[in-house]
N, C-alpha and C. Protein backbone atom coordinates (compact mmCIF):
# COMPACT_ATOMS: atom_id res chain seq x y z
N MET A 1 29.70 58.31 14.29
CA MET A 1 28.71 57.73 15.16
C MET A 1 27.97 56.59 14.44
N ARG A 2 27.62 56.84 13.19
CA ARG A 2 26.92 55.80 12.43
C ARG A 2 27.81 54.57 12.25
N ALA A 3 29.09 54.75 12.01
CA ALA A 3 30.02 53.63 11.85
C ALA A 3 30.08 52.81 13.13
N GLY A 4 30.05 53.47 14.28
CA GLY A 4 30.07 52.77 15.56
C GLY A 4 28.82 51.93 15.75
N PHE A 5 27.68 52.51 15.39
CA PHE A 5 26.42 51.78 15.50
C PHE A 5 26.42 50.54 14.62
N LEU A 6 26.90 50.68 13.37
CA LEU A 6 26.94 49.54 12.45
C LEU A 6 27.87 48.45 12.96
N ALA A 7 28.99 48.86 13.54
CA ALA A 7 29.93 47.88 14.08
C ALA A 7 29.30 47.12 15.24
N MET A 8 28.60 47.84 16.12
CA MET A 8 27.94 47.17 17.26
C MET A 8 26.82 46.25 16.77
N ALA A 9 26.07 46.69 15.77
CA ALA A 9 25.00 45.86 15.23
C ALA A 9 25.57 44.59 14.61
N ALA A 10 26.69 44.71 13.92
CA ALA A 10 27.31 43.54 13.30
C ALA A 10 27.78 42.55 14.36
N MET A 11 28.30 43.06 15.48
CA MET A 11 28.75 42.17 16.56
C MET A 11 27.57 41.51 17.28
N ALA A 12 26.45 42.20 17.37
CA ALA A 12 25.29 41.67 18.09
C ALA A 12 24.50 40.67 17.26
N MET A 13 24.63 40.73 15.95
CA MET A 13 23.83 39.88 15.07
C MET A 13 23.97 38.38 15.38
N PRO A 14 25.19 37.84 15.54
CA PRO A 14 25.29 36.40 15.85
C PRO A 14 24.58 36.03 17.14
N LEU A 15 24.62 36.91 18.15
CA LEU A 15 23.92 36.63 19.41
C LEU A 15 22.41 36.62 19.20
N ALA A 16 21.91 37.54 18.42
CA ALA A 16 20.49 37.62 18.16
C ALA A 16 20.00 36.39 17.39
N LEU A 17 20.82 35.89 16.49
CA LEU A 17 20.43 34.74 15.68
C LEU A 17 20.64 33.41 16.38
N ALA A 18 21.39 33.41 17.48
CA ALA A 18 21.70 32.15 18.16
C ALA A 18 20.44 31.43 18.61
N GLY A 19 19.42 32.16 19.03
CA GLY A 19 18.18 31.53 19.46
C GLY A 19 17.26 31.17 18.32
N CYS A 20 17.63 31.51 17.10
CA CYS A 20 16.78 31.27 15.93
C CYS A 20 17.29 30.13 15.07
N GLU A 21 17.95 29.19 15.68
CA GLU A 21 18.52 28.14 14.85
C GLU A 21 17.41 27.28 14.26
N ALA A 22 17.63 26.85 13.04
CA ALA A 22 16.63 26.08 12.30
C ALA A 22 16.43 24.73 12.95
N PRO A 23 15.19 24.22 12.93
CA PRO A 23 14.96 22.89 13.49
C PRO A 23 15.73 21.85 12.69
N PRO A 24 16.16 20.79 13.36
CA PRO A 24 16.90 19.76 12.61
C PRO A 24 16.03 19.17 11.51
N ALA A 25 16.64 18.93 10.39
CA ALA A 25 15.93 18.38 9.23
C ALA A 25 15.94 16.86 9.29
N VAL A 26 15.02 16.27 8.57
CA VAL A 26 14.99 14.82 8.46
C VAL A 26 16.24 14.36 7.71
N TYR A 27 16.83 13.26 8.15
CA TYR A 27 17.95 12.68 7.42
C TYR A 27 17.90 11.16 7.50
N VAL A 28 18.60 10.54 6.56
CA VAL A 28 18.60 9.08 6.43
C VAL A 28 20.05 8.62 6.40
N ASP A 29 20.36 7.57 7.17
CA ASP A 29 21.73 7.04 7.16
C ASP A 29 21.72 5.55 7.46
N GLY A 30 22.92 4.98 7.59
CA GLY A 30 23.07 3.57 7.96
C GLY A 30 22.60 2.58 6.90
N GLY A 31 22.58 3.00 5.63
CA GLY A 31 22.02 2.17 4.58
C GLY A 31 22.90 1.01 4.16
N TYR A 32 22.25 -0.13 3.95
CA TYR A 32 22.92 -1.27 3.33
C TYR A 32 21.89 -2.12 2.60
N VAL A 33 22.36 -2.79 1.57
CA VAL A 33 21.54 -3.72 0.78
C VAL A 33 22.09 -5.11 1.00
N ARG A 34 21.23 -6.03 1.36
CA ARG A 34 21.65 -7.42 1.50
C ARG A 34 21.13 -8.18 0.30
N LEU A 35 22.06 -8.66 -0.53
CA LEU A 35 21.69 -9.40 -1.73
C LEU A 35 21.12 -10.76 -1.37
N ASN A 36 20.14 -11.17 -2.13
CA ASN A 36 19.56 -12.49 -1.98
C ASN A 36 20.50 -13.50 -2.66
N PRO A 37 20.75 -14.66 -2.05
CA PRO A 37 21.61 -15.66 -2.70
C PRO A 37 21.04 -16.12 -4.05
N ASN A 38 19.72 -16.04 -4.21
CA ASN A 38 19.08 -16.38 -5.47
C ASN A 38 18.93 -15.09 -6.29
N PRO A 39 19.72 -14.92 -7.36
CA PRO A 39 19.67 -13.67 -8.11
C PRO A 39 18.32 -13.40 -8.79
N GLN A 40 17.46 -14.40 -8.88
CA GLN A 40 16.13 -14.21 -9.47
C GLN A 40 15.11 -13.69 -8.45
N ALA A 41 15.47 -13.74 -7.17
CA ALA A 41 14.57 -13.31 -6.11
C ALA A 41 14.94 -11.90 -5.64
N PRO A 42 14.02 -11.20 -4.98
CA PRO A 42 14.33 -9.83 -4.54
C PRO A 42 15.34 -9.80 -3.40
N SER A 43 16.06 -8.70 -3.33
CA SER A 43 16.97 -8.42 -2.23
C SER A 43 16.31 -7.39 -1.33
N ALA A 44 16.99 -7.00 -0.24
CA ALA A 44 16.39 -6.06 0.70
C ALA A 44 17.38 -4.96 1.06
N ALA A 45 16.83 -3.75 1.29
CA ALA A 45 17.62 -2.59 1.72
C ALA A 45 17.12 -2.14 3.08
N TYR A 46 18.05 -1.66 3.89
CA TYR A 46 17.75 -1.24 5.26
C TYR A 46 18.39 0.12 5.53
N PHE A 47 17.72 0.97 6.29
CA PHE A 47 18.19 2.31 6.61
C PHE A 47 17.67 2.72 7.99
N LYS A 48 18.17 3.87 8.47
CA LYS A 48 17.61 4.54 9.64
C LYS A 48 17.14 5.92 9.18
N ILE A 49 15.90 6.25 9.55
CA ILE A 49 15.32 7.55 9.20
C ILE A 49 15.18 8.35 10.49
N HIS A 50 15.77 9.54 10.51
CA HIS A 50 15.77 10.41 11.69
C HIS A 50 14.89 11.62 11.42
N ALA A 51 13.88 11.83 12.26
CA ALA A 51 12.97 12.96 12.09
C ALA A 51 13.50 14.18 12.82
N GLY A 52 13.05 15.35 12.38
CA GLY A 52 13.35 16.60 13.06
C GLY A 52 12.34 16.85 14.17
N ASN A 53 12.00 18.11 14.39
CA ASN A 53 11.10 18.49 15.47
C ASN A 53 9.63 18.28 15.14
N GLU A 54 9.32 17.95 13.91
CA GLU A 54 7.93 17.74 13.49
C GLU A 54 7.77 16.30 13.00
N PRO A 55 6.59 15.70 13.24
CA PRO A 55 6.36 14.38 12.65
C PRO A 55 6.34 14.49 11.13
N ILE A 56 6.68 13.41 10.49
CA ILE A 56 6.78 13.42 9.02
C ILE A 56 6.34 12.05 8.51
N VAL A 57 5.94 11.99 7.26
CA VAL A 57 5.52 10.72 6.67
C VAL A 57 6.41 10.42 5.47
N LEU A 58 6.97 9.21 5.45
CA LEU A 58 7.70 8.75 4.27
C LEU A 58 6.65 8.35 3.24
N ARG A 59 6.66 9.02 2.09
CA ARG A 59 5.66 8.77 1.04
C ARG A 59 6.16 7.80 -0.01
N GLY A 60 7.48 7.66 -0.14
CA GLY A 60 8.00 6.76 -1.15
C GLY A 60 9.51 6.76 -1.18
N VAL A 61 10.06 5.79 -1.88
CA VAL A 61 11.51 5.65 -2.07
C VAL A 61 11.74 5.33 -3.53
N MET A 62 12.79 5.90 -4.11
CA MET A 62 13.12 5.64 -5.51
C MET A 62 14.61 5.29 -5.62
N THR A 63 14.93 4.54 -6.64
CA THR A 63 16.31 4.33 -7.06
C THR A 63 16.30 4.07 -8.55
N GLU A 64 17.34 4.51 -9.21
CA GLU A 64 17.49 4.21 -10.63
C GLU A 64 18.30 2.94 -10.83
N GLN A 65 18.70 2.30 -9.75
CA GLN A 65 19.61 1.17 -9.83
C GLN A 65 18.94 -0.18 -9.60
N ALA A 66 17.61 -0.19 -9.65
CA ALA A 66 16.85 -1.45 -9.59
C ALA A 66 15.61 -1.27 -10.47
N VAL A 67 15.14 -2.37 -11.03
CA VAL A 67 13.97 -2.31 -11.90
C VAL A 67 12.73 -1.93 -11.10
N ARG A 68 12.62 -2.43 -9.87
CA ARG A 68 11.43 -2.18 -9.06
C ARG A 68 11.81 -2.20 -7.58
N LEU A 69 11.10 -1.39 -6.80
CA LEU A 69 11.26 -1.48 -5.35
C LEU A 69 9.92 -1.22 -4.69
N GLU A 70 9.77 -1.77 -3.49
CA GLU A 70 8.57 -1.60 -2.69
C GLU A 70 8.99 -1.54 -1.23
N ILE A 71 8.25 -0.75 -0.44
CA ILE A 71 8.46 -0.76 1.00
C ILE A 71 7.56 -1.85 1.57
N HIS A 72 8.14 -2.73 2.36
CA HIS A 72 7.40 -3.85 2.95
C HIS A 72 7.52 -3.81 4.46
N GLU A 73 6.60 -4.54 5.08
CA GLU A 73 6.60 -4.70 6.52
C GLU A 73 6.40 -6.17 6.83
N SER A 74 7.24 -6.70 7.70
CA SER A 74 7.07 -8.09 8.16
C SER A 74 6.02 -8.10 9.26
N VAL A 75 5.07 -9.02 9.18
CA VAL A 75 4.02 -9.13 10.19
C VAL A 75 3.82 -10.59 10.56
N THR A 76 3.37 -10.80 11.79
CA THR A 76 3.02 -12.15 12.24
C THR A 76 1.57 -12.12 12.67
N GLN A 77 0.78 -12.98 12.06
CA GLN A 77 -0.64 -13.04 12.37
C GLN A 77 -1.02 -14.50 12.52
N ASP A 78 -1.65 -14.84 13.64
CA ASP A 78 -2.05 -16.22 13.94
C ASP A 78 -0.86 -17.16 13.81
N GLY A 79 0.29 -16.72 14.28
CA GLY A 79 1.49 -17.54 14.27
C GLY A 79 2.17 -17.68 12.92
N MET A 80 1.65 -17.00 11.90
CA MET A 80 2.23 -17.08 10.56
C MET A 80 2.94 -15.77 10.22
N ALA A 81 4.19 -15.88 9.81
CA ALA A 81 4.94 -14.70 9.39
C ALA A 81 4.68 -14.44 7.91
N SER A 82 4.48 -13.18 7.58
CA SER A 82 4.29 -12.81 6.18
C SER A 82 4.76 -11.37 5.99
N MET A 83 4.65 -10.91 4.77
CA MET A 83 5.02 -9.54 4.46
C MET A 83 3.89 -8.87 3.72
N ARG A 84 3.82 -7.56 3.89
CA ARG A 84 2.84 -6.79 3.16
C ARG A 84 3.47 -5.48 2.72
N ARG A 85 3.01 -5.01 1.59
CA ARG A 85 3.49 -3.74 1.05
C ARG A 85 2.84 -2.60 1.83
N ILE A 86 3.62 -1.57 2.12
CA ILE A 86 3.07 -0.38 2.76
C ILE A 86 3.37 0.83 1.88
N GLU A 87 2.42 1.74 1.82
CA GLU A 87 2.54 2.92 0.96
C GLU A 87 3.18 4.10 1.68
N ASN A 88 2.88 4.27 2.97
CA ASN A 88 3.37 5.39 3.76
C ASN A 88 3.90 4.89 5.09
N MET A 89 4.83 5.64 5.65
CA MET A 89 5.38 5.26 6.94
C MET A 89 5.52 6.52 7.79
N GLU A 90 4.84 6.55 8.93
CA GLU A 90 4.91 7.71 9.82
C GLU A 90 6.21 7.68 10.61
N ILE A 91 6.84 8.86 10.68
CA ILE A 91 8.06 9.02 11.46
C ILE A 91 7.74 10.07 12.53
N PRO A 92 7.59 9.66 13.80
CA PRO A 92 7.26 10.63 14.85
C PRO A 92 8.37 11.68 15.03
N ALA A 93 7.98 12.84 15.54
CA ALA A 93 8.93 13.93 15.78
C ALA A 93 10.06 13.45 16.69
N ARG A 94 11.26 13.91 16.41
CA ARG A 94 12.46 13.64 17.22
C ARG A 94 12.66 12.14 17.49
N SER A 95 12.41 11.32 16.47
CA SER A 95 12.59 9.88 16.63
C SER A 95 13.42 9.33 15.49
N THR A 96 13.84 8.09 15.66
CA THR A 96 14.53 7.35 14.61
C THR A 96 13.73 6.09 14.34
N VAL A 97 13.40 5.88 13.08
CA VAL A 97 12.69 4.67 12.67
C VAL A 97 13.65 3.85 11.83
N SER A 98 13.80 2.60 12.19
CA SER A 98 14.73 1.72 11.47
C SER A 98 13.99 0.86 10.47
N LEU A 99 14.53 0.81 9.27
CA LEU A 99 14.16 -0.20 8.29
C LEU A 99 15.18 -1.30 8.54
N ALA A 100 14.74 -2.43 9.08
CA ALA A 100 15.68 -3.44 9.56
C ALA A 100 15.15 -4.85 9.30
N PRO A 101 16.05 -5.84 9.28
CA PRO A 101 15.61 -7.22 9.12
C PRO A 101 14.54 -7.57 10.16
N GLY A 102 13.48 -8.22 9.71
CA GLY A 102 12.40 -8.62 10.59
C GLY A 102 11.34 -7.54 10.78
N GLY A 103 11.53 -6.38 10.17
CA GLY A 103 10.56 -5.29 10.31
C GLY A 103 10.28 -4.66 8.97
N LYS A 104 10.26 -3.34 8.95
CA LYS A 104 10.05 -2.63 7.70
C LYS A 104 11.35 -2.63 6.91
N HIS A 105 11.23 -2.73 5.59
CA HIS A 105 12.41 -2.80 4.74
C HIS A 105 12.02 -2.46 3.30
N ILE A 106 13.00 -2.30 2.45
CA ILE A 106 12.77 -2.00 1.04
C ILE A 106 13.14 -3.23 0.23
N MET A 107 12.19 -3.74 -0.53
CA MET A 107 12.45 -4.88 -1.41
C MET A 107 12.91 -4.36 -2.76
N LEU A 108 13.92 -5.01 -3.33
CA LEU A 108 14.52 -4.60 -4.60
C LEU A 108 14.53 -5.76 -5.58
N TRP A 109 14.08 -5.49 -6.79
CA TRP A 109 14.09 -6.50 -7.85
C TRP A 109 15.05 -6.07 -8.94
N SER A 110 15.87 -6.97 -9.41
CA SER A 110 16.78 -6.77 -10.55
C SER A 110 17.68 -5.54 -10.38
N ILE A 111 18.62 -5.67 -9.48
CA ILE A 111 19.58 -4.59 -9.24
C ILE A 111 20.53 -4.48 -10.43
N ASN A 112 20.80 -3.26 -10.83
CA ASN A 112 21.68 -2.99 -11.96
C ASN A 112 23.08 -3.56 -11.70
N PRO A 113 23.65 -4.32 -12.65
CA PRO A 113 24.98 -4.90 -12.47
C PRO A 113 26.06 -3.84 -12.21
N THR A 114 25.89 -2.64 -12.73
CA THR A 114 26.87 -1.57 -12.47
C THR A 114 26.88 -1.21 -10.99
N ALA A 115 25.72 -1.17 -10.37
CA ALA A 115 25.64 -0.90 -8.92
C ALA A 115 26.30 -2.03 -8.14
N LEU A 116 26.08 -3.27 -8.59
CA LEU A 116 26.71 -4.41 -7.92
C LEU A 116 28.23 -4.31 -7.98
N GLU A 117 28.74 -3.93 -9.13
CA GLU A 117 30.19 -3.77 -9.29
C GLU A 117 30.72 -2.63 -8.43
N ALA A 118 29.97 -1.54 -8.34
CA ALA A 118 30.39 -0.38 -7.55
C ALA A 118 30.29 -0.66 -6.05
N GLY A 119 29.43 -1.61 -5.67
CA GLY A 119 29.29 -1.95 -4.26
C GLY A 119 28.40 -1.01 -3.47
N LYS A 120 27.64 -0.15 -4.17
CA LYS A 120 26.72 0.73 -3.46
C LYS A 120 25.60 1.18 -4.38
N MET A 121 24.52 1.64 -3.76
CA MET A 121 23.35 2.16 -4.47
C MET A 121 22.93 3.46 -3.82
N SER A 122 22.30 4.33 -4.62
CA SER A 122 21.72 5.57 -4.10
C SER A 122 20.21 5.47 -4.11
N PHE A 123 19.58 5.98 -3.07
CA PHE A 123 18.14 5.98 -2.93
C PHE A 123 17.67 7.40 -2.65
N THR A 124 16.48 7.74 -3.13
CA THR A 124 15.87 9.03 -2.82
C THR A 124 14.61 8.76 -2.00
N PHE A 125 14.57 9.32 -0.79
CA PHE A 125 13.43 9.18 0.11
C PHE A 125 12.56 10.42 -0.04
N ILE A 126 11.26 10.23 -0.23
CA ILE A 126 10.33 11.32 -0.48
C ILE A 126 9.42 11.45 0.74
N PHE A 127 9.40 12.66 1.33
CA PHE A 127 8.65 12.89 2.56
C PHE A 127 7.47 13.83 2.36
N SER A 128 6.54 13.78 3.29
CA SER A 128 5.29 14.54 3.22
C SER A 128 5.49 16.05 3.22
N ASN A 129 6.60 16.54 3.74
CA ASN A 129 6.85 17.98 3.76
C ASN A 129 7.52 18.47 2.47
N GLY A 130 7.69 17.57 1.51
CA GLY A 130 8.32 17.94 0.25
C GLY A 130 9.81 17.64 0.19
N ASP A 131 10.42 17.31 1.33
CA ASP A 131 11.84 16.98 1.32
C ASP A 131 12.10 15.72 0.51
N ARG A 132 13.20 15.74 -0.21
CA ARG A 132 13.71 14.56 -0.90
C ARG A 132 15.14 14.38 -0.39
N VAL A 133 15.38 13.27 0.27
CA VAL A 133 16.66 13.01 0.90
C VAL A 133 17.34 11.87 0.17
N ILE A 134 18.57 12.11 -0.28
CA ILE A 134 19.35 11.08 -0.97
C ILE A 134 20.26 10.41 0.04
N ALA A 135 20.25 9.08 0.03
CA ALA A 135 21.10 8.30 0.93
C ALA A 135 21.68 7.11 0.17
N ASP A 136 22.93 6.81 0.46
CA ASP A 136 23.60 5.67 -0.16
C ASP A 136 23.50 4.44 0.74
N ALA A 137 23.58 3.29 0.11
CA ALA A 137 23.59 2.01 0.82
C ALA A 137 24.71 1.15 0.26
N VAL A 138 25.49 0.59 1.14
CA VAL A 138 26.56 -0.33 0.77
C VAL A 138 25.91 -1.67 0.43
N ILE A 139 26.38 -2.31 -0.62
CA ILE A 139 25.83 -3.61 -1.02
C ILE A 139 26.62 -4.72 -0.34
N GLN A 140 25.91 -5.56 0.40
CA GLN A 140 26.52 -6.75 1.02
C GLN A 140 26.19 -7.95 0.16
N LYS A 141 27.20 -8.69 -0.19
CA LYS A 141 26.97 -9.91 -0.95
C LYS A 141 26.23 -10.92 -0.08
N ALA A 142 25.50 -11.80 -0.71
CA ALA A 142 24.79 -12.84 0.02
C ALA A 142 25.78 -13.62 0.86
N GLY A 143 25.43 -13.81 2.14
CA GLY A 143 26.31 -14.55 3.04
C GLY A 143 27.34 -13.69 3.74
N ASP A 144 27.43 -12.37 3.44
CA ASP A 144 28.39 -11.50 4.12
C ASP A 144 28.06 -11.32 5.59
N ASP A 145 26.79 -11.47 5.95
CA ASP A 145 26.36 -11.27 7.32
C ASP A 145 25.42 -12.41 7.66
N ALA A 146 25.68 -13.09 8.75
CA ALA A 146 24.88 -14.26 9.11
C ALA A 146 23.52 -13.88 9.69
N GLU A 147 23.30 -12.59 9.94
CA GLU A 147 22.03 -12.12 10.51
C GLU A 147 20.87 -12.49 9.58
N SER A 148 19.78 -12.91 10.16
CA SER A 148 18.60 -13.28 9.38
C SER A 148 18.00 -12.07 8.69
N ASP A 149 17.53 -12.24 7.48
CA ASP A 149 16.82 -11.17 6.79
C ASP A 149 15.60 -11.72 6.10
N HIS A 150 14.89 -10.85 5.40
CA HIS A 150 13.65 -11.24 4.76
C HIS A 150 13.69 -10.96 3.27
N SER A 151 14.83 -11.17 2.68
CA SER A 151 14.93 -10.88 1.25
C SER A 151 14.63 -12.08 0.38
N SER A 152 14.19 -13.16 0.98
CA SER A 152 13.98 -14.38 0.20
C SER A 152 12.54 -14.76 0.03
N HIS A 153 11.61 -13.78 0.08
CA HIS A 153 10.20 -14.15 -0.11
C HIS A 153 9.76 -13.90 -1.52
């Protein structure tokens, strides 16, 4: 009798857990780095950040493959376009926020030549809930894409 009960409990367990699925976690994808034609000037990295069921804040980004990086935002004020550094970025629940040309992006100074040869870089995104998400970005050589970017400021 006990063996029968255990067998039935084992079969029922997946059904019981089906309604307890974990909320989707934050993830980052679509990464690419657009090199600046002037190697002395900063380049820019772009990604898509996808939030789970709770709002989250991007607190920082790191890479070991550049001397320095900063998160920037392109702004237009009184008809003048400029950029400013931002420390945190809110990601609303169940949304996707793009780091894209003409908007928020990651500025990179002095990219490691080994990363340039490999054609990709790894970044670690640090979030307010303690998550650290690693995402790769393909390196595009200057002129690979005619789309306008903001890596030349």
